[in-house]
PDB file of N, CA and C in Angstrom:
ATOM      1  N   MET A   1      46.796 -16.888 -34.185  1.00  0.00           N
ATOM      2  CA  MET A   1      47.152 -16.079 -35.448  1.00  0.00           C
ATOM      3  C   MET A   1      47.400 -16.873 -36.648  1.00  0.00           C
ATOM      4  N   LEU A   2      46.979 -16.503 -37.780  1.00  0.00           N
ATOM      5  CA  LEU A   2      47.080 -17.197 -39.163  1.00  0.00           C
ATOM      6  C   LEU A   2      48.328 -17.025 -39.917  1.00  0.00           C
ATOM      7  N   ARG A   3      49.072 -18.197 -40.075  1.00  0.00           N
ATOM      8  CA  ARG A   3      50.298 -17.996 -40.567  1.00  0.00           C
ATOM      9  C   ARG A   3      50.524 -18.832 -42.033  1.00  0.00           C
ATOM     10  N   PHE A   4      51.648 -18.770 -42.592  1.00  0.00           N
ATOM     11  CA  PHE A   4      51.618 -19.686 -43.980  1.00  0.00           C
ATOM     12  C   PHE A   4      53.234 -19.971 -44.113  1.00  0.00           C
ATOM     13  N   GLN A   5      53.203 -21.221 -44.843  1.00  0.00           N
ATOM     14  CA  GLN A   5      54.729 -21.659 -45.072  1.00  0.00           C
ATOM     15  C   GLN A   5      54.628 -22.162 -46.311  1.00  0.00           C
ATOM     16  N   ASP A   6      55.737 -21.914 -47.130  1.00  0.00           N
ATOM     17  CA  ASP A   6      55.702 -22.127 -48.670  1.00  0.00           C
ATOM     18  C   ASP A   6      56.540 -23.275 -48.911  1.00  0.00           C
ATOM     19  N   PHE A   7      56.476 -24.129 -49.785  1.00  0.00           N
ATOM     20  CA  PHE A   7      57.297 -25.119 -50.039  1.00  0.00           C
ATOM     21  C   PHE A   7      57.681 -25.241 -51.711  1.00  0.00           C
ATOM     22  N   ALA A   8      58.513 -24.745 -52.127  1.00  0.00           N
ATOM     23  CA  ALA A   8      58.853 -24.654 -53.673  1.00  0.00           C
ATOM     24  C   ALA A   8      60.076 -25.920 -54.001  1.00  0.00           C
ATOM     25  N   PRO A   9      60.055 -26.224 -55.220  1.00  0.00           N
ATOM     26  CA  PRO A   9      60.686 -27.207 -55.612  1.00  0.00           C
ATOM     27  C   PRO A   9      62.222 -26.843 -55.614  1.00  0.00           C
ATOM     28  N   SER A  10      63.416 -27.275 -54.986  1.00  0.00           N
ATOM     29  CA  SER A  10      64.378 -26.761 -54.954  1.00  0.00           C
ATOM     30  C   SER A  10      65.461 -27.009 -55.844  1.00  0.00           C
ATOM     31  N   LYS A  11      66.285 -26.342 -56.179  1.00  0.00           N
ATOM     32  CA  LYS A  11      67.163 -26.556 -57.252  1.00  0.00           C
ATOM     33  C   LYS A  11      68.371 -27.284 -56.684  1.00  0.00           C
ATOM     34  N   LYS A  12      69.066 -28.247 -57.165  1.00  0.00           N
ATOM     35  CA  LYS A  12      70.137 -28.779 -56.879  1.00  0.00           C
ATOM     36  C   LYS A  12      71.215 -28.860 -58.137  1.00  0.00           C
ATOM     37  N   PRO A  13      72.577 -29.001 -57.632  1.00  0.00           N
ATOM     38  CA  PRO A  13      73.535 -29.175 -58.714  1.00  0.00           C
ATOM     39  C   PRO A  13      73.273 -30.282 -59.424  1.00  0.00           C
ATOM     40  N   PHE A  14      73.467 -30.544 -60.680  1.00  0.00           N
ATOM     41  CA  PHE A  14      73.286 -31.857 -61.595  1.00  0.00           C
ATOM     42  C   PHE A  14      74.280 -31.512 -62.405  1.00  0.00           C
ATOM     43  N   LEU A  15      75.238 -32.397 -62.396  1.00  0.00           N
ATOM     44  CA  LEU A  15      76.536 -32.619 -63.170  1.00  0.00           C
ATOM     45  C   LEU A  15      76.305 -33.039 -64.601  1.00  0.00           C
ATOM     46  N   ALA A  16      75.439 -33.735 -64.730  1.00  0.00           N
ATOM     47  CA  ALA A  16      75.151 -34.423 -65.997  1.00  0.00           C
ATOM     48  C   ALA A  16      74.302 -33.564 -66.987  1.00  0.00           C
ATOM     49  N   SER A  17      73.814 -32.496 -66.294  1.00  0.00           N
ATOM     50  CA  SER A  17      72.832 -31.599 -67.054  1.00  0.00           C
ATOM     51  C   SER A  17      73.796 -30.363 -67.500  1.00  0.00           C
ATOM     52  N   LEU A  18      73.093 -30.172 -68.703  1.00  0.00           N
ATOM     53  CA  LEU A  18      73.835 -28.887 -69.509  1.00  0.00           C
ATOM     54  C   LEU A  18      73.652 -27.594 -68.635  1.00  0.00           C
ATOM     55  N   ARG A  19      72.675 -27.571 -68.304  1.00  0.00           N
ATOM     56  CA  ARG A  19      72.491 -26.206 -67.177  1.00  0.00           C
ATOM     57  C   ARG A  19      72.955 -26.048 -66.279  1.00  0.00           C
ATOM     58  N   GLY A  20      73.506 -27.324 -65.568  1.00  0.00           N
ATOM     59  CA  GLY A  20      74.411 -27.394 -64.422  1.00  0.00           C
ATOM     60  C   GLY A  20      73.338 -27.381 -62.759  1.00  0.00           C
ATOM     61  N   VAL A  21      72.072 -27.184 -63.296  1.00  0.00           N
ATOM     62  CA  VAL A  21      71.236 -27.248 -62.023  1.00  0.00           C
ATOM     63  C   VAL A  21      70.171 -28.329 -62.465  1.00  0.00           C
ATOM     64  N   GLU A  22      69.278 -28.948 -61.641  1.00  0.00           N
ATOM     65  CA  GLU A  22      68.290 -29.690 -61.790  1.00  0.00           C
ATOM     66  C   GLU A  22      67.108 -29.459 -60.712  1.00  0.00           C
ATOM     67  N   CYS A  23      65.978 -29.180 -61.193  1.00  0.00           N
ATOM     68  CA  CYS A  23      65.167 -28.701 -60.251  1.00  0.00           C
ATOM     69  C   CYS A  23      64.016 -30.004 -59.572  1.00  0.00           C
ATOM     70  N   GLU A  24      64.072 -29.809 -58.483  1.00  0.00           N
ATOM     71  CA  GLU A  24      63.034 -30.903 -57.936  1.00  0.00           C
ATOM     72  C   GLU A  24      61.797 -31.045 -58.525  1.00  0.00           C
ATOM     73  N   THR A  25      60.628 -32.245 -58.394  1.00  0.00           N
ATOM     74  CA  THR A  25      59.471 -31.949 -58.928  1.00  0.00           C
ATOM     75  C   THR A  25      58.199 -31.275 -58.077  1.00  0.00           C
ATOM     76  N   PHE A  26      57.281 -30.747 -58.618  1.00  0.00           N
ATOM     77  CA  PHE A  26      56.650 -30.506 -57.732  1.00  0.00           C
ATOM     78  C   PHE A  26      55.637 -31.052 -56.949  1.00  0.00           C
ATOM     79  N   GLU A  27      55.758 -32.772 -57.140  1.00  0.00           N
ATOM     80  CA  GLU A  27      55.493 -33.520 -56.166  1.00  0.00           C
ATOM     81  C   GLU A  27      56.280 -33.832 -54.830  1.00  0.00           C
ATOM     82  N   ASP A  28      57.821 -33.447 -55.431  1.00  0.00           N
ATOM     83  CA  ASP A  28      58.794 -33.363 -54.350  1.00  0.00           C
ATOM     84  C   ASP A  28      58.508 -32.380 -53.304  1.00  0.00           C
ATOM     85  N   ALA A  29      57.991 -31.137 -53.792  1.00  0.00           N
ATOM     86  CA  ALA A  29      57.571 -30.089 -52.920  1.00  0.00           C
ATOM     87  C   ALA A  29      56.386 -30.257 -51.973  1.00  0.00           C
ATOM     88  N   VAL A  30      55.484 -31.298 -52.589  1.00  0.00           N
ATOM     89  CA  VAL A  30      54.208 -31.668 -51.881  1.00  0.00           C
ATOM     90  C   VAL A  30      54.716 -32.553 -50.859  1.00  0.00           C
ATOM     91  N   ALA A  31      55.389 -33.384 -51.168  1.00  0.00           N
ATOM     92  CA  ALA A  31      56.082 -34.515 -50.245  1.00  0.00           C
ATOM     93  C   ALA A  31      56.648 -33.874 -48.976  1.00  0.00           C
ATOM     94  N   THR A  32      57.434 -32.686 -49.492  1.00  0.00           N
ATOM     95  CA  THR A  32      57.863 -31.937 -48.231  1.00  0.00           C
ATOM     96  C   THR A  32      57.177 -31.315 -47.411  1.00  0.00           C
ATOM     97  N   ALA A  33      56.294 -30.571 -48.176  1.00  0.00           N
ATOM     98  CA  ALA A  33      55.065 -29.918 -46.999  1.00  0.00           C
ATOM     99  C   ALA A  33      54.337 -31.046 -46.308  1.00  0.00           C
ATOM    100  N   ASP A  34      53.870 -32.153 -46.904  1.00  0.00           N
ATOM    101  CA  ASP A  34      53.276 -33.099 -46.122  1.00  0.00           C
ATOM    102  C   ASP A  34      54.155 -33.862 -44.986  1.00  0.00           C
ATOM    103  N   GLU A  35      55.388 -33.896 -45.147  1.00  0.00           N
ATOM    104  CA  GLU A  35      56.383 -34.351 -44.008  1.00  0.00           C
ATOM    105  C   GLU A  35      56.401 -33.427 -42.840  1.00  0.00           C
ATOM    106  N   TRP A  36      56.540 -31.967 -43.425  1.00  0.00           N
ATOM    107  CA  TRP A  36      56.686 -30.788 -42.160  1.00  0.00           C
ATOM    108  C   TRP A  36      55.370 -31.041 -41.436  1.00  0.00           C
ATOM    109  N   MET A  37      54.172 -30.919 -42.073  1.00  0.00           N
ATOM    110  CA  MET A  37      53.023 -30.957 -41.397  1.00  0.00           C
ATOM    111  C   MET A  37      53.028 -32.177 -40.466  1.00  0.00           C
ATOM    112  N   ARG A  38      53.337 -33.218 -40.787  1.00  0.00           N
ATOM    113  CA  ARG A  38      53.400 -34.552 -39.842  1.00  0.00           C
ATOM    114  C   ARG A  38      54.197 -34.325 -38.857  1.00  0.00           C
ATOM    115  N   ARG A  39      55.487 -34.052 -39.084  1.00  0.00           N
ATOM    116  CA  ARG A  39      56.818 -33.712 -37.916  1.00  0.00           C
ATOM    117  C   ARG A  39      56.139 -32.914 -37.100  1.00  0.00           C
ATOM    118  N   GLU A  40      55.547 -31.518 -37.364  1.00  0.00           N
ATOM    119  CA  GLU A  40      55.496 -30.462 -36.782  1.00  0.00           C
ATOM    120  C   GLU A  40      53.921 -30.457 -35.811  1.00  0.00           C
ATOM    121  N   GLY A  41      53.226 -31.527 -36.287  1.00  0.00           N
ATOM    122  CA  GLY A  41      51.979 -31.605 -35.928  1.00  0.00           C
ATOM    123  C   GLY A  41      51.085 -30.373 -36.369  1.00  0.00           C
ATOM    124  N   ILE A  42      51.214 -30.014 -37.583  1.00  0.00           N
ATOM    125  CA  ILE A  42      50.554 -28.754 -37.930  1.00  0.00           C
ATOM    126  C   ILE A  42      49.187 -29.491 -38.597  1.00  0.00           C
ATOM    127  N   ARG A  43      47.964 -28.748 -38.286  1.00  0.00           N
ATOM    128  CA  ARG A  43      46.585 -28.968 -39.004  1.00  0.00           C
ATOM    129  C   ARG A  43      46.385 -27.825 -39.878  1.00  0.00           C
ATOM    130  N   PRO A  44      46.427 -27.773 -41.198  1.00  0.00           N
ATOM    131  CA  PRO A  44      46.343 -26.984 -42.015  1.00  0.00           C
ATOM    132  C   PRO A  44      44.887 -26.505 -42.070  1.00  0.00           C
ATOM    133  N   VAL A  45      44.968 -25.065 -42.091  1.00  0.00           N
ATOM    134  CA  VAL A  45      43.589 -24.222 -42.541  1.00  0.00           C
ATOM    135  C   VAL A  45      43.282 -24.766 -44.008  1.00  0.00           C
ATOM    136  N   SER A  46      44.378 -24.370 -44.749  1.00  0.00           N
ATOM    137  CA  SER A  46      44.125 -24.265 -46.199  1.00  0.00           C
ATOM    138  C   SER A  46      45.424 -24.816 -46.756  1.00  0.00           C
ATOM    139  N   VAL A  47      45.319 -25.370 -48.017  1.00  0.00           N
ATOM    140  CA  VAL A  47      46.677 -25.920 -48.727  1.00  0.00           C
ATOM    141  C   VAL A  47      46.067 -25.499 -50.220  1.00  0.00           C
ATOM    142  N   GLU A  48      47.322 -24.624 -50.836  1.00  0.00           N
ATOM    143  CA  GLU A  48      46.841 -24.243 -52.428  1.00  0.00           C
ATOM    144  C   GLU A  48      48.024 -24.383 -52.957  1.00  0.00           C
ATOM    145  N   THR A  49      47.913 -24.522 -54.177  1.00  0.00           N
ATOM    146  CA  THR A  49      49.059 -24.388 -55.328  1.00  0.00           C
ATOM    147  C   THR A  49      49.068 -22.872 -55.915  1.00  0.00           C
ATOM    148  N   VAL A  50      50.240 -22.397 -55.819  1.00  0.00           N
ATOM    149  CA  VAL A  50      50.226 -20.983 -56.094  1.00  0.00           C
ATOM    150  C   VAL A  50      51.678 -21.084 -57.640  1.00  0.00           C
ATOM    151  N   ILE A  51      50.933 -20.470 -58.584  1.00  0.00           N
ATOM    152  CA  ILE A  51      51.715 -20.191 -59.739  1.00  0.00           C
ATOM    153  C   ILE A  51      51.911 -18.973 -60.190  1.00  0.00           C
ATOM    154  N   VAL A  52      53.196 -18.418 -60.270  1.00  0.00           N
ATOM    155  CA  VAL A  52      53.400 -17.061 -60.547  1.00  0.00           C
ATOM    156  C   VAL A  52      54.536 -16.997 -61.744  1.00  0.00           C
ATOM    157  N   PRO A  53      54.624 -16.165 -62.372  1.00  0.00           N
ATOM    158  CA  PRO A  53      55.477 -15.864 -63.567  1.00  0.00           C
ATOM    159  C   PRO A  53      56.738 -15.278 -62.892  1.00  0.00           C
ATOM    160  N   ASN A  54      57.911 -15.401 -63.686  1.00  0.00           N
ATOM    161  CA  ASN A  54      59.316 -15.056 -63.519  1.00  0.00           C
ATOM    162  C   ASN A  54      59.218 -13.466 -63.265  1.00  0.00           C
ATOM    163  N   LEU A  55      58.715 -12.898 -61.900  1.00  0.00           N
ATOM    164  CA  LEU A  55      58.771 -11.565 -61.855  1.00  0.00           C
ATOM    165  C   LEU A  55      59.883 -11.089 -60.832  1.00  0.00           C
ATOM    166  N   TRP A  56      60.913 -11.435 -60.795  1.00  0.00           N
ATOM    167  CA  TRP A  56      61.711 -11.258 -59.588  1.00  0.00           C
ATOM    168  C   TRP A  56      62.673  -9.699 -60.280  1.00  0.00           C
ATOM    169  N   ARG A  57      62.270  -8.878 -59.362  1.00  0.00           N
ATOM    170  CA  ARG A  57      62.550  -7.420 -59.285  1.00  0.00           C
ATOM    171  C   ARG A  57      62.764  -7.135 -57.874  1.00  0.00           C
ATOM    172  N   GLU A  58      63.541  -6.116 -57.608  1.00  0.00           N
ATOM    173  CA  GLU A  58      63.939  -5.594 -56.604  1.00  0.00           C
ATOM    174  C   GLU A  58      62.954  -5.065 -55.751  1.00  0.00           C
ATOM    175  N   ARG A  59      62.088  -4.263 -56.897  1.00  0.00           N
ATOM    176  CA  ARG A  59      60.435  -3.823 -55.681  1.00  0.00           C
ATOM    177  C   ARG A  59      59.437  -4.348 -56.079  1.00  0.00           C
ATOM    178  N   GLY A  60      59.580  -5.726 -56.908  1.00  0.00           N
ATOM    179  CA  GLY A  60      58.173  -6.528 -56.952  1.00  0.00           C
ATOM    180  C   GLY A  60      57.671  -6.029 -58.544  1.00  0.00           C
ATOM    181  N   PRO A  61      56.425  -7.068 -58.850  1.00  0.00           N
ATOM    182  CA  PRO A  61      55.836  -6.596 -59.694  1.00  0.00           C
ATOM    183  C   PRO A  61      54.726  -5.371 -59.621  1.00  0.00           C
ATOM    184  N   THR A  62      54.197  -5.144 -60.789  1.00  0.00           N
ATOM    185  CA  THR A  62      53.422  -4.287 -60.995  1.00  0.00           C
ATOM    186  C   THR A  62      52.110  -4.598 -61.692  1.00  0.00           C
ATOM    187  N   ASP A  63      51.083  -3.982 -61.616  1.00  0.00           N
ATOM    188  CA  ASP A  63      49.660  -4.739 -62.551  1.00  0.00           C
ATOM    189  C   ASP A  63      50.269  -4.349 -63.991  1.00  0.00           C
ATOM    190  N   ALA A  64      51.201  -3.424 -64.181  1.00  0.00           N
ATOM    191  CA  ALA A  64      51.556  -3.384 -65.659  1.00  0.00           C
ATOM    192  C   ALA A  64      52.465  -4.519 -66.120  1.00  0.00           C
ATOM    193  N   ASP A  65      53.423  -5.006 -65.197  1.00  0.00           N
ATOM    194  CA  ASP A  65      54.415  -5.757 -65.500  1.00  0.00           C
ATOM    195  C   ASP A  65      53.378  -7.129 -66.188  1.00  0.00           C
ATOM    196  N   PHE A  66      52.363  -7.757 -65.275  1.00  0.00           N
ATOM    197  CA  PHE A  66      51.415  -8.756 -65.829  1.00  0.00           C
ATOM    198  C   PHE A  66      50.843  -8.354 -67.091  1.00  0.00           C
ATOM    199  N   ALA A  67      50.123  -7.206 -67.609  1.00  0.00           N
ATOM    200  CA  ALA A  67      49.611  -7.029 -68.614  1.00  0.00           C
ATOM    201  C   ALA A  67      50.606  -6.866 -69.730  1.00  0.00           C
ATOM    202  N   GLN A  68      51.704  -6.145 -69.691  1.00  0.00           N
ATOM    203  CA  GLN A  68      52.438  -5.928 -71.059  1.00  0.00           C
ATOM    204  C   GLN A  68      53.537  -7.114 -71.313  1.00  0.00           C
ATOM    205  N   HIS A  69      53.541  -7.964 -70.404  1.00  0.00           N
ATOM    206  CA  HIS A  69      54.721  -9.026 -70.782  1.00  0.00           C
ATOM    207  C   HIS A  69      54.355 -10.608 -71.190  1.00  0.00           C
ATOM    208  N   GLU A  70      54.790 -11.130 -71.829  1.00  0.00           N
ATOM    209  CA  GLU A  70      54.626 -12.748 -72.032  1.00  0.00           C
ATOM    210  C   GLU A  70      55.614 -13.202 -71.453  1.00  0.00           C
ATOM    211  N   TYR A  71      55.377 -14.272 -70.607  1.00  0.00           N
ATOM    212  CA  TYR A  71      56.283 -15.148 -69.654  1.00  0.00           C
ATOM    213  C   TYR A  71      56.596 -16.449 -70.339  1.00  0.00           C
ATOM    214  N   SER A  72      57.730 -16.924 -70.213  1.00  0.00           N
ATOM    215  CA  SER A  72      58.334 -18.087 -70.503  1.00  0.00           C
ATOM    216  C   SER A  72      58.497 -19.016 -69.628  1.00  0.00           C
ATOM    217  N   GLU A  73      58.744 -18.555 -68.677  1.00  0.00           N
ATOM    218  CA  GLU A  73      58.726 -19.661 -67.191  1.00  0.00           C
ATOM    219  C   GLU A  73      57.908 -19.078 -66.131  1.00  0.00           C
ATOM    220  N   TRP A  74      57.393 -20.010 -65.485  1.00  0.00           N
ATOM    221  CA  TRP A  74      56.231 -19.973 -64.464  1.00  0.00           C
ATOM    222  C   TRP A  74      56.696 -20.988 -63.168  1.00  0.00           C
ATOM    223  N   TYR A  75      56.628 -20.510 -62.323  1.00  0.00           N
ATOM    224  CA  TYR A  75      56.724 -21.010 -60.801  1.00  0.00           C
ATOM    225  C   TYR A  75      55.752 -21.481 -60.100  1.00  0.00           C
ATOM    226  N   GLN A  76      55.665 -22.785 -59.567  1.00  0.00           N
ATOM    227  CA  GLN A  76      54.890 -23.460 -58.907  1.00  0.00           C
ATOM    228  C   GLN A  76      54.966 -23.929 -57.639  1.00  0.00           C
ATOM    229  N   PHE A  77      54.452 -23.609 -56.573  1.00  0.00           N
ATOM    230  CA  PHE A  77      54.785 -24.310 -55.288  1.00  0.00           C
ATOM    231  C   PHE A  77      53.585 -24.425 -54.414  1.00  0.00           C
ATOM    232  N   VAL A  78      53.728 -24.799 -53.491  1.00  0.00           N
ATOM    233  CA  VAL A  78      52.607 -25.078 -52.096  1.00  0.00           C
ATOM    234  C   VAL A  78      52.720 -24.261 -51.231  1.00  0.00           C
ATOM    235  N   ARG A  79      51.389 -23.621 -50.770  1.00  0.00           N
ATOM    236  CA  ARG A  79      51.617 -22.795 -49.543  1.00  0.00           C
ATOM    237  C   ARG A  79      50.336 -23.375 -48.562  1.00  0.00           C
ATOM    238  N   VAL A  80      50.843 -23.568 -47.273  1.00  0.00           N
ATOM    239  CA  VAL A  80      50.478 -24.182 -46.294  1.00  0.00           C
ATOM    240  C   VAL A  80      49.633 -23.098 -45.327  1.00  0.00           C
ATOM    241  N   TRP A  81      48.392 -22.962 -45.194  1.00  0.00           N
ATOM    242  CA  TRP A  81      47.987 -21.682 -44.440  1.00  0.00           C
ATOM    243  C   TRP A  81      47.464 -22.801 -43.021  1.00  0.00           C
ATOM    244  N   TYR A  82      48.177 -21.974 -41.885  1.00  0.00           N
ATOM    245  CA  TYR A  82      47.782 -22.814 -40.518  1.00  0.00           C
ATOM    246  C   TYR A  82      47.687 -21.697 -39.545  1.00  0.00           C
ATOM    247  N   GLU A  83      47.046 -22.226 -38.324  1.00  0.00           N
ATOM    248  CA  GLU A  83      47.294 -21.398 -37.151  1.00  0.00           C
ATOM    249  C   GLU A  83      48.083 -21.526 -36.302  1.00  0.00           C
ATOM    250  N   GLY A  84      48.848 -20.549 -35.824  1.00  0.00           N
ATOM    251  CA  GLY A  84      50.023 -20.796 -35.132  1.00  0.00           C
ATOM    252  C   GLY A  84      50.294 -19.622 -33.960  1.00  0.00           C
ATOM    253  N   LYS A  85      51.314 -19.739 -33.158  1.00  0.00           N
ATOM    254  CA  LYS A  85      51.609 -18.751 -32.495  1.00  0.00           C
ATOM    255  C   LYS A  85      52.265 -17.523 -32.895  1.00  0.00           C
TER     256      LYS A  85
END
């Protein structure tokens, strides 16, 4: 069975930041994915970078959402596809 696991840069509290949170880097997410594959003995079928706009809505985005809006924030994460049980 084909499965996937996502690895996104996580947010962590950062007291010196005016925003109150600091995000890990994309490289941190890649390192986390690499460690998980090594630890679990995962042989990936594919590894991809996924980039999506800030579309957080209760019912998800529609095609019109993509066509009608300009997005100021984009999110990047790693998706690992693998065969599993």
